[in-house]
Amino acid sequence: TVKRHLIVVPERAEKEIGFTLWLR
């Protein structure tokens, strides 16, 4: 029943190895 998922992403999150894993 959730309409939107609001994803709060910290600064430099793309620098961590798990970035693409949780994005997937």
PDB file of all heavy atoms in Angstrom:
ATOM      1  N   THR A   1       0.816  -1.218   0.000  1.00  0.00           N
ATOM      2  CA  THR A   1       0.000   0.000   0.000  1.00  0.00           C
ATOM      3  C   THR A   1       0.849   1.268   0.000  1.00  0.00           C
ATOM      4  O   THR A   1       0.311   2.375   0.035  1.00  0.00           O
ATOM      5  CB  THR A   1      -0.933   0.024   1.221  1.00  0.00           C
ATOM      6  OG1 THR A   1      -0.164   0.065   2.421  1.00  0.00           O
ATOM      7  CG2 THR A   1      -1.826  -1.204   1.241  1.00  0.00           C
ATOM      8  N   VAL A   2       2.168   1.128  -0.026  1.00  0.00           N
ATOM      9  CA  VAL A   2       3.061   2.293  -0.043  1.00  0.00           C
ATOM     10  C   VAL A   2       3.067   2.915  -1.441  1.00  0.00           C
ATOM     11  O   VAL A   2       3.289   2.222  -2.430  1.00  0.00           O
ATOM     12  CB  VAL A   2       4.490   1.893   0.370  1.00  0.00           C
ATOM     13  CG1 VAL A   2       5.459   3.066   0.194  1.00  0.00           C
ATOM     14  CG2 VAL A   2       4.503   1.411   1.816  1.00  0.00           C
ATOM     15  N   LYS A   3       2.826   4.222  -1.508  1.00  0.00           N
ATOM     16  CA  LYS A   3       2.816   4.927  -2.793  1.00  0.00           C
ATOM     17  C   LYS A   3       4.211   5.405  -3.201  1.00  0.00           C
ATOM     18  O   LYS A   3       4.576   5.340  -4.367  1.00  0.00           O
ATOM     19  CB  LYS A   3       1.881   6.137  -2.729  1.00  0.00           C
ATOM     20  CG  LYS A   3       0.399   5.811  -2.709  1.00  0.00           C
ATOM     21  CD  LYS A   3      -0.414   7.101  -2.749  1.00  0.00           C
ATOM     22  CE  LYS A   3      -1.910   6.815  -2.779  1.00  0.00           C
ATOM     23  NZ  LYS A   3      -2.705   8.075  -2.813  1.00  0.00           N
ATOM     24  N   ARG A   4       4.969   5.911  -2.215  1.00  0.00           N
ATOM     25  CA  ARG A   4       6.296   6.453  -2.522  1.00  0.00           C
ATOM     26  C   ARG A   4       7.318   5.947  -1.509  1.00  0.00           C
ATOM     27  O   ARG A   4       7.010   5.785  -0.328  1.00  0.00           O
ATOM     28  CB  ARG A   4       6.294   7.979  -2.483  1.00  0.00           C
ATOM     29  CG  ARG A   4       5.384   8.670  -3.473  1.00  0.00           C
ATOM     30  CD  ARG A   4       5.675  10.184  -3.503  1.00  0.00           C
ATOM     31  NE  ARG A   4       5.665  10.777  -2.165  1.00  0.00           N
ATOM     32  CZ  ARG A   4       6.124  11.995  -1.876  1.00  0.00           C
ATOM     33  NH1 ARG A   4       6.662  12.728  -2.844  1.00  0.00           N
ATOM     34  NH2 ARG A   4       6.053  12.467  -0.644  1.00  0.00           N
ATOM     35  N   HIS A   5       8.532   5.722  -1.997  1.00  0.00           N
ATOM     36  CA  HIS A   5       9.659   5.387  -1.130  1.00  0.00           C
ATOM     37  C   HIS A   5      10.626   6.571  -1.153  1.00  0.00           C
ATOM     38  O   HIS A   5      11.203   6.888  -2.200  1.00  0.00           O
ATOM     39  CB  HIS A   5      10.359   4.117  -1.611  1.00  0.00           C
ATOM     40  CG  HIS A   5       9.524   2.881  -1.491  1.00  0.00           C
ATOM     41  ND1 HIS A   5       9.428   2.150  -0.335  1.00  0.00           N
ATOM     42  CD2 HIS A   5       8.715   2.255  -2.388  1.00  0.00           C
ATOM     43  CE1 HIS A   5       8.617   1.120  -0.516  1.00  0.00           C
ATOM     44  NE2 HIS A   5       8.164   1.161  -1.754  1.00  0.00           N
ATOM     45  N   LEU A   6      10.767   7.233  -0.012  1.00  0.00           N
ATOM     46  CA  LEU A   6      11.657   8.384   0.098  1.00  0.00           C
ATOM     47  C   LEU A   6      13.018   7.892   0.583  1.00  0.00           C
ATOM     48  O   LEU A   6      13.141   7.398   1.709  1.00  0.00           O
ATOM     49  CB  LEU A   6      11.083   9.418   1.067  1.00  0.00           C
ATOM     50  CG  LEU A   6       9.617   9.833   0.843  1.00  0.00           C
ATOM     51  CD1 LEU A   6       9.236  10.957   1.795  1.00  0.00           C
ATOM     52  CD2 LEU A   6       9.385  10.262  -0.603  1.00  0.00           C
ATOM     53  N   ILE A   7      14.040   8.022  -0.256  1.00  0.00           N
ATOM     54  CA  ILE A   7      15.361   7.472   0.032  1.00  0.00           C
ATOM     55  C   ILE A   7      16.304   8.622   0.395  1.00  0.00           C
ATOM     56  O   ILE A   7      16.657   9.442  -0.464  1.00  0.00           O
ATOM     57  CB  ILE A   7      15.928   6.704  -1.184  1.00  0.00           C
ATOM     58  CG1 ILE A   7      14.836   5.850  -1.841  1.00  0.00           C
ATOM     59  CG2 ILE A   7      17.123   5.874  -0.766  1.00  0.00           C
ATOM     60  CD1 ILE A   7      14.249   4.797  -0.967  1.00  0.00           C
ATOM     61  N   VAL A   8      16.707   8.703   1.651  1.00  0.00           N
ATOM     62  CA  VAL A   8      17.635   9.733   2.104  1.00  0.00           C
ATOM     63  C   VAL A   8      19.058   9.183   1.986  1.00  0.00           C
ATOM     64  O   VAL A   8      19.424   8.228   2.684  1.00  0.00           O
ATOM     65  CB  VAL A   8      17.338  10.153   3.562  1.00  0.00           C
ATOM     66  CG1 VAL A   8      18.260  11.288   3.978  1.00  0.00           C
ATOM     67  CG2 VAL A   8      15.874  10.565   3.706  1.00  0.00           C
ATOM     68  N   VAL A   9      19.838   9.792   1.094  1.00  0.00           N
ATOM     69  CA  VAL A   9      21.172   9.280   0.777  1.00  0.00           C
ATOM     70  C   VAL A   9      22.224  10.253   1.303  1.00  0.00           C
ATOM     71  O   VAL A   9      22.170  11.457   1.003  1.00  0.00           O
ATOM     72  CB  VAL A   9      21.339   9.103  -0.746  1.00  0.00           C
ATOM     73  CG1 VAL A   9      22.665   8.411  -1.062  1.00  0.00           C
ATOM     74  CG2 VAL A   9      20.176   8.309  -1.327  1.00  0.00           C
ATOM     75  N   PRO A  10      23.189   9.786   2.079  1.00  0.00           N
ATOM     76  CA  PRO A  10      24.202  10.696   2.636  1.00  0.00           C
ATOM     77  C   PRO A  10      25.225  11.144   1.597  1.00  0.00           C
ATOM     78  O   PRO A  10      25.371  10.537   0.528  1.00  0.00           O
ATOM     79  CB  PRO A  10      24.863   9.847   3.729  1.00  0.00           C
ATOM     80  CG  PRO A  10      24.700   8.445   3.250  1.00  0.00           C
ATOM     81  CD  PRO A  10      23.372   8.410   2.531  1.00  0.00           C
ATOM     82  N   GLU A  11      25.924  12.190   1.918  1.00  0.00           N
ATOM     83  CA  GLU A  11      27.000  12.691   1.064  1.00  0.00           C
ATOM     84  C   GLU A  11      28.106  11.639   0.949  1.00  0.00           C
ATOM     85  O   GLU A  11      28.437  10.951   1.905  1.00  0.00           O
ATOM     86  CB  GLU A  11      27.559  13.976   1.685  1.00  0.00           C
ATOM     87  CG  GLU A  11      28.608  14.669   0.851  1.00  0.00           C
ATOM     88  CD  GLU A  11      29.130  15.924   1.542  1.00  0.00           C
ATOM     89  OE1 GLU A  11      28.703  16.168   2.692  1.00  0.00           O
ATOM     90  OE2 GLU A  11      29.956  16.629   0.941  1.00  0.00           O
ATOM     91  N   ARG A  12      28.634  11.480  -0.262  1.00  0.00           N
ATOM     92  CA  ARG A  12      29.704  10.529  -0.594  1.00  0.00           C
ATOM     93  C   ARG A  12      29.268   9.069  -0.483  1.00  0.00           C
ATOM     94  O   ARG A  12      30.106   8.175  -0.367  1.00  0.00           O
ATOM     95  CB  ARG A  12      30.950  10.771   0.278  1.00  0.00           C
ATOM     96  CG  ARG A  12      31.617  12.105   0.062  1.00  0.00           C
ATOM     97  CD  ARG A  12      32.932  12.220   0.829  1.00  0.00           C
ATOM     98  NE  ARG A  12      32.721  12.103   2.267  1.00  0.00           N
ATOM     99  CZ  ARG A  12      32.374  13.116   3.051  1.00  0.00           C
ATOM    100  NH1 ARG A  12      32.200  14.321   2.546  1.00  0.00           N
ATOM    101  NH2 ARG A  12      32.198  12.947   4.351  1.00  0.00           N
ATOM    102  N   ALA A  13      27.958   8.828  -0.517  1.00  0.00           N
ATOM    103  CA  ALA A  13      27.486   7.435  -0.464  1.00  0.00           C
ATOM    104  C   ALA A  13      27.992   6.635  -1.648  1.00  0.00           C
ATOM    105  O   ALA A  13      28.221   5.424  -1.556  1.00  0.00           O
ATOM    106  CB  ALA A  13      25.961   7.407  -0.424  1.00  0.00           C
ATOM    107  N   GLU A  14      28.186   7.309  -2.781  1.00  0.00           N
ATOM    108  CA  GLU A  14      28.643   6.617  -3.997  1.00  0.00           C
ATOM    109  C   GLU A  14      30.083   6.139  -3.871  1.00  0.00           C
ATOM    110  O   GLU A  14      30.563   5.374  -4.731  1.00  0.00           O
ATOM    111  CB  GLU A  14      28.494   7.520  -5.213  1.00  0.00           C
ATOM    112  CG  GLU A  14      29.419   8.720  -5.271  1.00  0.00           C
ATOM    113  CD  GLU A  14      28.905   9.916  -4.482  1.00  0.00           C
ATOM    114  OE1 GLU A  14      27.937   9.753  -3.700  1.00  0.00           O
ATOM    115  OE2 GLU A  14      29.474  11.014  -4.633  1.00  0.00           O
ATOM    116  N   LYS A  15      30.785   6.571  -2.830  1.00  0.00           N
ATOM    117  CA  LYS A  15      32.175   6.172  -2.640  1.00  0.00           C
ATOM    118  C   LYS A  15      32.311   4.840  -1.912  1.00  0.00           C
ATOM    119  O   LYS A  15      33.423   4.321  -1.778  1.00  0.00           O
ATOM    120  CB  LYS A  15      32.924   7.246  -1.843  1.00  0.00           C
ATOM    121  CG  LYS A  15      32.953   8.620  -2.494  1.00  0.00           C
ATOM    122  CD  LYS A  15      33.706   8.618  -3.810  1.00  0.00           C
ATOM    123  CE  LYS A  15      33.764  10.014  -4.414  1.00  0.00           C
ATOM    124  NZ  LYS A  15      34.487  10.005  -5.708  1.00  0.00           N
ATOM    125  N   GLU A  16      31.219   4.294  -1.425  1.00  0.00           N
ATOM    126  CA  GLU A  16      31.282   3.056  -0.661  1.00  0.00           C
ATOM    127  C   GLU A  16      30.976   1.849  -1.549  1.00  0.00           C
ATOM    128  O   GLU A  16      30.196   1.940  -2.503  1.00  0.00           O
ATOM    129  CB  GLU A  16      30.316   3.114   0.531  1.00  0.00           C
ATOM    130  CG  GLU A  16      30.678   4.202   1.530  1.00  0.00           C
ATOM    131  CD  GLU A  16      29.960   4.039   2.855  1.00  0.00           C
ATOM    132  OE1 GLU A  16      29.408   2.945   3.092  1.00  0.00           O
ATOM    133  OE2 GLU A  16      29.963   4.988   3.649  1.00  0.00           O
ATOM    134  N   ILE A  17      31.533   0.725  -1.202  1.00  0.00           N
ATOM    135  CA  ILE A  17      31.430  -0.470  -2.029  1.00  0.00           C
ATOM    136  C   ILE A  17      30.006  -1.003  -2.111  1.00  0.00           C
ATOM    137  O   ILE A  17      29.616  -1.628  -3.090  1.00  0.00           O
ATOM    138  CB  ILE A  17      32.379  -1.574  -1.502  1.00  0.00           C
ATOM    139  CG1 ILE A  17      32.567  -2.670  -2.558  1.00  0.00           C
ATOM    140  CG2 ILE A  17      31.875  -2.151  -0.191  1.00  0.00           C
ATOM    141  CD1 ILE A  17      33.653  -3.650  -2.220  1.00  0.00           C
ATOM    142  N   GLY A  18      29.207  -0.729  -1.079  1.00  0.00           N
ATOM    143  CA  GLY A  18      27.843  -1.258  -1.076  1.00  0.00           C
ATOM    144  C   GLY A  18      26.837  -0.410  -1.826  1.00  0.00           C
ATOM    145  O   GLY A  18      25.649  -0.752  -1.862  1.00  0.00           O
ATOM    146  N   PHE A  19      27.286   0.696  -2.439  1.00  0.00           N
ATOM    147  CA  PHE A  19      26.376   1.633  -3.097  1.00  0.00           C
ATOM    148  C   PHE A  19      25.523   0.948  -4.160  1.00  0.00           C
ATOM    149  O   PHE A  19      24.288   1.007  -4.145  1.00  0.00           O
ATOM    150  CB  PHE A  19      27.197   2.773  -3.708  1.00  0.00           C
ATOM    151  CG  PHE A  19      26.370   3.807  -4.424  1.00  0.00           C
ATOM    152  CD1 PHE A  19      25.490   4.624  -3.727  1.00  0.00           C
ATOM    153  CD2 PHE A  19      26.485   3.975  -5.800  1.00  0.00           C
ATOM    154  CE1 PHE A  19      24.739   5.594  -4.383  1.00  0.00           C
ATOM    155  CE2 PHE A  19      25.741   4.927  -6.458  1.00  0.00           C
ATOM    156  CZ  PHE A  19      24.868   5.741  -5.751  1.00  0.00           C
ATOM    157  N   THR A  20      26.161   0.280  -5.101  1.00  0.00           N
ATOM    158  CA  THR A  20      25.409  -0.359  -6.189  1.00  0.00           C
ATOM    159  C   THR A  20      24.618  -1.572  -5.701  1.00  0.00           C
ATOM    160  O   THR A  20      23.622  -1.947  -6.323  1.00  0.00           O
ATOM    161  CB  THR A  20      26.356  -0.793  -7.320  1.00  0.00           C
ATOM    162  OG1 THR A  20      27.376  -1.639  -6.791  1.00  0.00           O
ATOM    163  CG2 THR A  20      26.990   0.417  -7.983  1.00  0.00           C
ATOM    164  N   LEU A  21      25.060  -2.160  -4.585  1.00  0.00           N
ATOM    165  CA  LEU A  21      24.367  -3.348  -4.087  1.00  0.00           C
ATOM    166  C   LEU A  21      22.986  -2.990  -3.540  1.00  0.00           C
ATOM    167  O   LEU A  21      21.990  -3.658  -3.838  1.00  0.00           O
ATOM    168  CB  LEU A  21      25.213  -4.038  -3.005  1.00  0.00           C
ATOM    169  CG  LEU A  21      26.599  -4.530  -3.460  1.00  0.00           C
ATOM    170  CD1 LEU A  21      27.334  -5.178  -2.298  1.00  0.00           C
ATOM    171  CD2 LEU A  21      26.475  -5.502  -4.622  1.00  0.00           C
ATOM    172  N   TRP A  22      22.905  -1.920  -2.702  1.00  0.00           N
ATOM    173  CA  TRP A  22      21.584  -1.553  -2.198  1.00  0.00           C
ATOM    174  C   TRP A  22      20.737  -0.882  -3.270  1.00  0.00           C
ATOM    175  O   TRP A  22      19.506  -0.975  -3.247  1.00  0.00           O
ATOM    176  CB  TRP A  22      21.680  -0.703  -0.931  1.00  0.00           C
ATOM    177  CG  TRP A  22      22.332   0.652  -1.017  1.00  0.00           C
ATOM    178  CD1 TRP A  22      23.590   0.990  -0.624  1.00  0.00           C
ATOM    179  CD2 TRP A  22      21.728   1.879  -1.479  1.00  0.00           C
ATOM    180  NE1 TRP A  22      23.827   2.334  -0.823  1.00  0.00           N
ATOM    181  CE2 TRP A  22      22.686   2.910  -1.335  1.00  0.00           C
ATOM    182  CE3 TRP A  22      20.474   2.208  -1.999  1.00  0.00           C
ATOM    183  CZ2 TRP A  22      22.450   4.235  -1.695  1.00  0.00           C
ATOM    184  CZ3 TRP A  22      20.216   3.530  -2.358  1.00  0.00           C
ATOM    185  CH2 TRP A  22      21.204   4.527  -2.212  1.00  0.00           C
ATOM    186  N   LEU A  23      21.399  -0.214  -4.233  1.00  0.00           N
ATOM    187  CA  LEU A  23      20.642   0.350  -5.352  1.00  0.00           C
ATOM    188  C   LEU A  23      19.953  -0.756  -6.160  1.00  0.00           C
ATOM    189  O   LEU A  23      18.814  -0.612  -6.612  1.00  0.00           O
ATOM    190  CB  LEU A  23      21.564   1.149  -6.273  1.00  0.00           C
ATOM    191  CG  LEU A  23      21.628   2.655  -6.048  1.00  0.00           C
ATOM    192  CD1 LEU A  23      22.527   3.302  -7.087  1.00  0.00           C
ATOM    193  CD2 LEU A  23      20.245   3.270  -6.088  1.00  0.00           C
ATOM    194  N   ARG A  24      20.666  -1.873  -6.327  1.00  0.00           N
ATOM    195  CA  ARG A  24      20.087  -2.992  -7.072  1.00  0.00           C
ATOM    196  C   ARG A  24      18.837  -3.522  -6.374  1.00  0.00           C
ATOM    197  O   ARG A  24      17.856  -3.899  -7.019  1.00  0.00           O
ATOM    198  CB  ARG A  24      21.139  -4.100  -7.209  1.00  0.00           C
ATOM    199  CG  ARG A  24      20.742  -5.233  -8.150  1.00  0.00           C
ATOM    200  CD  ARG A  24      21.854  -6.259  -8.241  1.00  0.00           C
ATOM    201  NE  ARG A  24      23.099  -5.639  -8.680  1.00  0.00           N
ATOM    202  CZ  ARG A  24      24.286  -6.229  -8.587  1.00  0.00           C
ATOM    203  NH1 ARG A  24      24.382  -7.433  -8.053  1.00  0.00           N
ATOM    204  NH2 ARG A  24      25.371  -5.614  -9.017  1.00  0.00           N
TER     205      ARG A  24
END
